[in-house]
Amino acid sequence: MSVLVNGSPTEEFKPTRGLRQGDPLAPFLFLIVAEGLAGLVRKAVKEDLLRGIKVGRDEVDCCLLQFADDTLFMVKTPFPMFLQSRRFSGFLSWLLGSKLTFINQR
């Protein structure tokens, strides 16, 4: 792994530990991951791999809400796409070390 400093990559290093509770870098790293997730979801919607739900009077298409350290996926999708999103979310859960809860509503 290497880090960009003033646009130039540093020497590569191997990370050996995760972040400790209260680490001042934690919020910034979380934001980087959250932005990456939002980008992946936008790309999946654009390529018609995920379909959000219509919200409000103007029927705004919405499939991802993020607030603080919570992320809510709201997808309306056929079963094969659902299975693909479950695989992705399993990977995401492993990556972030978080728990995912699925709620099926018709």
N, C-alpha and C. Protein backbone atom coordinates (compact mmCIF):
# COMPACT_ATOMS: atom_id res chain seq x y z
N MET A 1 0.85 -1.15 0.00
CA MET A 1 0.00 0.00 0.00
C MET A 1 0.90 1.22 0.00
N SER A 2 0.46 2.29 -0.64
CA SER A 2 1.18 3.56 -0.57
C SER A 2 0.17 4.68 -0.48
N VAL A 3 0.61 5.84 -0.10
CA VAL A 3 -0.25 7.00 0.11
C VAL A 3 0.24 8.12 -0.79
N LEU A 4 -0.72 8.90 -1.34
CA LEU A 4 -0.34 10.07 -2.13
C LEU A 4 -0.11 11.26 -1.20
N VAL A 5 1.04 11.86 -1.29
CA VAL A 5 1.36 13.07 -0.53
C VAL A 5 1.73 14.15 -1.54
N ASN A 6 0.93 15.20 -1.57
CA ASN A 6 1.12 16.28 -2.55
C ASN A 6 1.18 15.73 -3.97
N GLY A 7 0.35 14.72 -4.26
CA GLY A 7 0.26 14.17 -5.60
C GLY A 7 1.30 13.12 -5.95
N SER A 8 2.23 12.84 -5.06
CA SER A 8 3.27 11.84 -5.33
C SER A 8 3.12 10.66 -4.37
N PRO A 9 3.22 9.43 -4.90
CA PRO A 9 3.09 8.27 -4.02
C PRO A 9 4.31 8.11 -3.11
N THR A 10 4.02 7.70 -1.87
CA THR A 10 5.11 7.43 -0.93
C THR A 10 5.66 6.04 -1.19
N GLU A 11 6.68 5.68 -0.46
CA GLU A 11 7.23 4.33 -0.55
C GLU A 11 6.17 3.35 -0.05
N GLU A 12 6.10 2.17 -0.68
CA GLU A 12 5.09 1.18 -0.27
C GLU A 12 5.36 0.65 1.12
N PHE A 13 4.27 0.37 1.85
CA PHE A 13 4.37 -0.21 3.18
C PHE A 13 3.26 -1.24 3.34
N LYS A 14 3.41 -2.11 4.31
CA LYS A 14 2.42 -3.15 4.58
C LYS A 14 1.69 -2.80 5.88
N PRO A 15 0.37 -2.55 5.80
CA PRO A 15 -0.36 -2.25 7.03
C PRO A 15 -0.42 -3.49 7.93
N THR A 16 -0.21 -3.29 9.21
CA THR A 16 -0.19 -4.42 10.13
C THR A 16 -1.28 -4.38 11.18
N ARG A 17 -1.92 -3.26 11.38
CA ARG A 17 -2.98 -3.15 12.40
C ARG A 17 -4.13 -2.33 11.87
N GLY A 18 -5.29 -2.55 12.47
CA GLY A 18 -6.44 -1.74 12.15
C GLY A 18 -6.42 -0.47 13.00
N LEU A 19 -7.50 0.27 12.92
CA LEU A 19 -7.60 1.49 13.73
C LEU A 19 -8.06 1.15 15.14
N ARG A 20 -7.55 1.86 16.06
CA ARG A 20 -7.99 1.69 17.45
C ARG A 20 -9.18 2.61 17.72
N GLN A 21 -9.97 2.24 18.71
CA GLN A 21 -11.11 3.06 19.10
C GLN A 21 -10.65 4.47 19.42
N GLY A 22 -11.33 5.46 18.88
CA GLY A 22 -11.00 6.85 19.16
C GLY A 22 -9.89 7.41 18.30
N ASP A 23 -9.40 6.63 17.34
CA ASP A 23 -8.34 7.12 16.47
C ASP A 23 -8.86 8.32 15.67
N PRO A 24 -8.12 9.43 15.64
CA PRO A 24 -8.61 10.62 14.93
C PRO A 24 -8.74 10.43 13.42
N LEU A 25 -8.11 9.41 12.85
CA LEU A 25 -8.23 9.16 11.41
C LEU A 25 -9.50 8.39 11.05
N ALA A 26 -10.12 7.73 12.02
CA ALA A 26 -11.26 6.86 11.74
C ALA A 26 -12.38 7.55 10.97
N PRO A 27 -12.82 8.75 11.35
CA PRO A 27 -13.91 9.38 10.59
C PRO A 27 -13.53 9.65 9.14
N PHE A 28 -12.30 10.03 8.90
CA PHE A 28 -11.87 10.32 7.53
C PHE A 28 -11.82 9.06 6.69
N LEU A 29 -11.31 7.98 7.26
CA LEU A 29 -11.26 6.72 6.53
C LEU A 29 -12.66 6.19 6.27
N PHE A 30 -13.56 6.37 7.24
CA PHE A 30 -14.95 5.95 7.03
C PHE A 30 -15.57 6.72 5.87
N LEU A 31 -15.31 8.02 5.80
CA LEU A 31 -15.85 8.83 4.71
C LEU A 31 -15.33 8.38 3.35
N ILE A 32 -14.06 8.01 3.29
CA ILE A 32 -13.48 7.52 2.04
C ILE A 32 -14.21 6.25 1.60
N VAL A 33 -14.43 5.33 2.53
CA VAL A 33 -15.12 4.07 2.20
C VAL A 33 -16.58 4.36 1.83
N ALA A 34 -17.24 5.25 2.57
CA ALA A 34 -18.64 5.58 2.29
C ALA A 34 -18.79 6.21 0.90
N GLU A 35 -17.86 7.09 0.53
CA GLU A 35 -17.90 7.70 -0.80
C GLU A 35 -17.68 6.65 -1.88
N GLY A 36 -16.76 5.72 -1.62
CA GLY A 36 -16.53 4.63 -2.57
C GLY A 36 -17.77 3.78 -2.75
N LEU A 37 -18.45 3.47 -1.65
CA LEU A 37 -19.69 2.69 -1.71
C LEU A 37 -20.75 3.44 -2.50
N ALA A 38 -20.91 4.73 -2.25
CA ALA A 38 -21.90 5.53 -2.98
C ALA A 38 -21.59 5.52 -4.48
N GLY A 39 -20.31 5.60 -4.82
CA GLY A 39 -19.91 5.55 -6.23
C GLY A 39 -20.25 4.20 -6.87
N LEU A 40 -20.01 3.11 -6.13
CA LEU A 40 -20.36 1.78 -6.65
C LEU A 40 -21.86 1.65 -6.85
N VAL A 41 -22.63 2.18 -5.92
CA VAL A 41 -24.10 2.10 -6.04
C VAL A 41 -24.57 2.93 -7.23
N ARG A 42 -24.02 4.14 -7.40
CA ARG A 42 -24.39 4.96 -8.56
C ARG A 42 -24.09 4.22 -9.87
N LYS A 43 -22.93 3.57 -9.92
CA LYS A 43 -22.56 2.83 -11.13
C LYS A 43 -23.50 1.65 -11.35
N ALA A 44 -23.86 0.93 -10.29
CA ALA A 44 -24.79 -0.20 -10.41
C ALA A 44 -26.16 0.25 -10.89
N VAL A 45 -26.62 1.41 -10.42
CA VAL A 45 -27.91 1.95 -10.86
C VAL A 45 -27.83 2.35 -12.33
N LYS A 46 -26.73 2.99 -12.69
CA LYS A 46 -26.55 3.44 -14.08
C LYS A 46 -26.52 2.25 -15.04
N GLU A 47 -25.91 1.13 -14.61
CA GLU A 47 -25.82 -0.06 -15.45
C GLU A 47 -27.03 -0.98 -15.27
N ASP A 48 -28.05 -0.51 -14.56
CA ASP A 48 -29.31 -1.23 -14.32
C ASP A 48 -29.10 -2.55 -13.58
N LEU A 49 -28.14 -2.57 -12.66
CA LEU A 49 -27.93 -3.74 -11.81
C LEU A 49 -28.71 -3.62 -10.51
N LEU A 50 -29.00 -2.39 -10.09
CA LEU A 50 -29.82 -2.11 -8.91
C LEU A 50 -30.89 -1.11 -9.29
N ARG A 51 -32.04 -1.24 -8.67
CA ARG A 51 -33.12 -0.30 -8.88
C ARG A 51 -33.61 0.20 -7.54
N GLY A 52 -33.61 1.50 -7.35
CA GLY A 52 -34.08 2.07 -6.10
C GLY A 52 -35.59 2.17 -6.05
N ILE A 53 -36.10 2.70 -4.95
CA ILE A 53 -37.54 2.90 -4.83
C ILE A 53 -37.86 4.37 -5.06
N LYS A 54 -39.09 4.64 -5.45
CA LYS A 54 -39.55 6.02 -5.68
C LYS A 54 -40.03 6.59 -4.34
N VAL A 55 -39.56 7.80 -4.01
CA VAL A 55 -39.85 8.41 -2.73
C VAL A 55 -40.47 9.79 -2.94
N GLY A 56 -41.51 10.09 -2.17
CA GLY A 56 -42.10 11.43 -2.15
C GLY A 56 -43.03 11.73 -3.31
N ARG A 57 -43.58 12.96 -3.28
CA ARG A 57 -44.51 13.39 -4.32
C ARG A 57 -43.86 13.45 -5.69
N ASP A 58 -42.59 13.85 -5.72
CA ASP A 58 -41.87 13.96 -7.00
C ASP A 58 -41.30 12.63 -7.47
N GLU A 59 -41.52 11.57 -6.68
CA GLU A 59 -41.04 10.23 -6.99
C GLU A 59 -39.55 10.22 -7.34
N VAL A 60 -38.76 10.72 -6.42
CA VAL A 60 -37.31 10.72 -6.58
C VAL A 60 -36.80 9.29 -6.39
N ASP A 61 -35.95 8.84 -7.30
CA ASP A 61 -35.39 7.49 -7.21
C ASP A 61 -34.31 7.47 -6.14
N CYS A 62 -34.46 6.58 -5.16
CA CYS A 62 -33.52 6.52 -4.03
C CYS A 62 -33.20 5.07 -3.72
N CYS A 63 -31.91 4.74 -3.62
CA CYS A 63 -31.56 3.37 -3.24
C CYS A 63 -30.51 3.33 -2.13
N LEU A 64 -29.95 4.47 -1.75
CA LEU A 64 -28.93 4.48 -0.71
C LEU A 64 -29.07 5.74 0.14
N LEU A 65 -29.19 5.54 1.44
CA LEU A 65 -29.18 6.65 2.38
C LEU A 65 -28.04 6.41 3.37
N GLN A 66 -27.26 7.45 3.63
CA GLN A 66 -26.17 7.33 4.59
C GLN A 66 -26.27 8.48 5.57
N PHE A 67 -26.18 8.14 6.86
CA PHE A 67 -26.19 9.15 7.92
C PHE A 67 -25.27 8.68 9.02
N ALA A 68 -24.33 9.51 9.40
CA ALA A 68 -23.32 9.17 10.41
C ALA A 68 -22.67 7.85 10.01
N ASP A 69 -22.79 6.82 10.83
CA ASP A 69 -22.17 5.54 10.46
C ASP A 69 -23.21 4.49 10.08
N ASP A 70 -24.40 4.93 9.67
CA ASP A 70 -25.45 4.02 9.23
C ASP A 70 -25.62 4.13 7.72
N THR A 71 -25.86 3.01 7.09
CA THR A 71 -26.11 2.96 5.65
C THR A 71 -27.37 2.14 5.42
N LEU A 72 -28.29 2.68 4.63
CA LEU A 72 -29.55 2.02 4.35
C LEU A 72 -29.70 1.85 2.84
N PHE A 73 -29.79 0.59 2.39
CA PHE A 73 -30.07 0.29 0.99
C PHE A 73 -31.56 0.09 0.84
N MET A 74 -32.15 0.72 -0.16
CA MET A 74 -33.57 0.52 -0.46
C MET A 74 -33.66 0.17 -1.93
N VAL A 75 -33.79 -1.12 -2.20
CA VAL A 75 -33.79 -1.56 -3.59
C VAL A 75 -35.04 -2.33 -3.92
N LYS A 76 -35.50 -2.12 -5.12
CA LYS A 76 -36.64 -2.86 -5.66
C LYS A 76 -36.06 -3.57 -6.88
N THR A 77 -35.90 -4.86 -6.74
CA THR A 77 -35.14 -5.56 -7.75
C THR A 77 -35.63 -6.98 -7.95
N PRO A 78 -35.53 -7.53 -9.16
CA PRO A 78 -35.89 -8.93 -9.37
C PRO A 78 -34.97 -9.87 -8.58
N PHE A 79 -35.41 -11.10 -8.37
CA PHE A 79 -34.68 -12.03 -7.51
C PHE A 79 -33.22 -12.26 -7.93
N PRO A 80 -32.89 -12.47 -9.22
CA PRO A 80 -31.47 -12.67 -9.56
C PRO A 80 -30.61 -11.46 -9.18
N MET A 81 -31.15 -10.26 -9.37
CA MET A 81 -30.41 -9.06 -8.96
C MET A 81 -30.28 -9.01 -7.45
N PHE A 82 -31.33 -9.46 -6.75
CA PHE A 82 -31.29 -9.49 -5.29
C PHE A 82 -30.16 -10.40 -4.81
N LEU A 83 -30.04 -11.59 -5.43
CA LEU A 83 -28.97 -12.51 -5.05
C LEU A 83 -27.60 -11.87 -5.28
N GLN A 84 -27.46 -11.17 -6.39
CA GLN A 84 -26.19 -10.49 -6.68
C GLN A 84 -25.92 -9.41 -5.63
N SER A 85 -26.94 -8.67 -5.24
CA SER A 85 -26.75 -7.64 -4.22
C SER A 85 -26.45 -8.27 -2.86
N ARG A 86 -27.01 -9.46 -2.58
CA ARG A 86 -26.69 -10.16 -1.32
C ARG A 86 -25.23 -10.56 -1.29
N ARG A 87 -24.70 -11.05 -2.44
CA ARG A 87 -23.29 -11.42 -2.51
C ARG A 87 -22.42 -10.19 -2.28
N PHE A 88 -22.79 -9.08 -2.92
CA PHE A 88 -22.04 -7.85 -2.77
C PHE A 88 -22.08 -7.37 -1.32
N SER A 89 -23.27 -7.44 -0.72
CA SER A 89 -23.40 -6.97 0.65
C SER A 89 -22.65 -7.87 1.63
N GLY A 90 -22.57 -9.18 1.32
CA GLY A 90 -21.76 -10.07 2.16
C GLY A 90 -20.30 -9.67 2.12
N PHE A 91 -19.82 -9.34 0.93
CA PHE A 91 -18.45 -8.87 0.79
C PHE A 91 -18.27 -7.55 1.54
N LEU A 92 -19.25 -6.66 1.39
CA LEU A 92 -19.19 -5.36 2.06
C LEU A 92 -19.18 -5.53 3.57
N SER A 93 -20.00 -6.43 4.08
CA SER A 93 -20.04 -6.70 5.52
C SER A 93 -18.69 -7.19 6.01
N TRP A 94 -18.08 -8.11 5.25
CA TRP A 94 -16.76 -8.62 5.62
C TRP A 94 -15.73 -7.50 5.58
N LEU A 95 -15.79 -6.68 4.54
CA LEU A 95 -14.81 -5.60 4.36
C LEU A 95 -14.89 -4.58 5.49
N LEU A 96 -16.09 -4.18 5.85
CA LEU A 96 -16.26 -3.14 6.86
C LEU A 96 -16.30 -3.70 8.28
N GLY A 97 -16.44 -5.00 8.40
CA GLY A 97 -16.55 -5.60 9.73
C GLY A 97 -17.84 -5.21 10.42
N SER A 98 -18.91 -5.05 9.63
CA SER A 98 -20.19 -4.63 10.21
C SER A 98 -21.24 -5.69 9.96
N LYS A 99 -22.38 -5.54 10.59
CA LYS A 99 -23.48 -6.48 10.46
C LYS A 99 -24.54 -5.88 9.54
N LEU A 100 -25.06 -6.71 8.64
CA LEU A 100 -26.12 -6.27 7.72
C LEU A 100 -27.42 -6.95 8.11
N THR A 101 -28.51 -6.22 8.02
CA THR A 101 -29.83 -6.76 8.30
C THR A 101 -30.68 -6.58 7.06
N PHE A 102 -31.32 -7.65 6.61
CA PHE A 102 -32.20 -7.57 5.44
C PHE A 102 -33.64 -7.61 5.90
N ILE A 103 -34.43 -6.69 5.35
CA ILE A 103 -35.86 -6.64 5.64
C ILE A 103 -36.58 -6.73 4.30
N ASN A 104 -37.44 -7.73 4.16
CA ASN A 104 -38.16 -7.92 2.90
C ASN A 104 -39.58 -7.40 3.11
N GLN A 105 -39.92 -6.36 2.36
CA GLN A 105 -41.28 -5.83 2.42
C GLN A 105 -41.85 -5.79 1.03
N ARG A 106 -43.08 -6.15 0.91
CA ARG A 106 -43.74 -6.14 -0.41
C ARG A 106 -44.69 -4.99 -0.51
